[in-house]
Amino acid sequence: MNKLNEIFYQFLPEFKVNKIAKYGSGHINDTYMVTIDDSETTFIMQRVNHQIFPNVPELMNNIFGVTNHLKTKFEEMEGKDPNVNSLTFINTLDGEKYHQDEEGNYWRVMETITPARSYDKVETEQQAFQAGVGIGEFQALLSDFDGSSLYEIIPNFHNMETRLATFREIVKKDVVGRVRLAQEQIQFVENRAEEMQTLVRLGKEGKLPIRVTHNDTKINNVLLDENDEVLCVIDLDTVMPGFVLYDFGDAIRTSTNTGDEDDANLDNVEMDIKLFTAYTKGFLSKTASSLTPIEIEYLPLSARIMTFIIGLRFITDYLDGDNYFKTHHEHHNLQRAKAQFKLVSSMERQFEEMQRVVQEEVTVNC
């Protein structure tokens, strides 16, 4: 019996494994598809990267807490299936949420959701709308879950004050001599730094409630069915306490860009207002009644802030010698920052229209 089979049998010894094969294109965890002897039953098995997520026990506590809450809600909803509309993780024979092997690696097993598909890039307004429905429903169903009870998996992940302080320190040190190559981007950051700290300030003032946040709301983390209707929100490793505006803003950043995240041709990069409208319609169809007036007011700005912060992280890493993000050429992080800042500029030009869309959809759904 090989090692992977042995690990799987720590969870489900009653099944006979036919095959275990690498699955998906994720860069953080090692993911495998486990096929059972009847060839129809499958499971997903993952080695959780404890270099990226050092506290796997708390990470799994977060996931089980959130998925159990979602399942309870889905059981009460007509037309919903808790095992299709929420991820189902399997306990080990000892009742644990994960298995730790002799080398110290952490493993987990979950049921597969079929038939389902995901997209790496939004192609239609229907897909944008359904992605908004998916994340909106996720937020709405967890609105009565105490977000502050979750463990903060990555401290200060979206803390603009911390990110700006790090950026300024790295600019000051200029350890790899790249500051001269990024003057335009450095000025872009400083020109907007004050406004981009708005969410941090509102949080400190107690004006934004702490909620359960997903923190990776790109389109491929919303599974759709064959009709491109939402099935399930996946990839819950970064579920932790935060502001709902983080999830909405990052979803708009990743779902409405007409170009690529690292597009070398900045003419390709714009925010598609039609995709913004579709996503916002879907999101607010589920959340308009559970969000506070201040959360609703700052939805448009959150898109600019979340796009700005990833651009800030790219330019910070570039000036520090490319230590965090994987790069494919010497100035890749600079190219990424330029593309994200172009997207910010596009949002700025369309900001009044974004605000109008939000207010219109709130009126429709309240």
Foldseek 3Di string as FASTA:
>chain_A
DDPVVVQVCQFPVVFAWDDWAFDDDDDAKTKIWTATPVRPFIKIKIWGRCVLQVCVQLLLVLLVVLLVLVLVVQVPDPPGDSPFAGKAWTAGPVRGQWDQDPVRITMTMTGDHPDWAFDQADDDLLLLLQLLLALLQSQLSQLVPQQQVGDQRDPCPLQLVVLVVLLVVLLVPLPPVCNVVCVVLVVLCVVCSVVLNVVVVCVVVVNFDWTWDQQQSERRQFIAHPVSHTTYGDDRSRTHIDGNLNNLQVHQLRHFFQDDLLDLPLVRGAGHVSSLLSSLLNNCLRPLVSGDPVSLQCNLVSNLSNLLSQLSVLVSCLSVQNDPDDADDNCRSVSSSVNSSSHSVNSVVCVVVSNVSSVVSSVVND
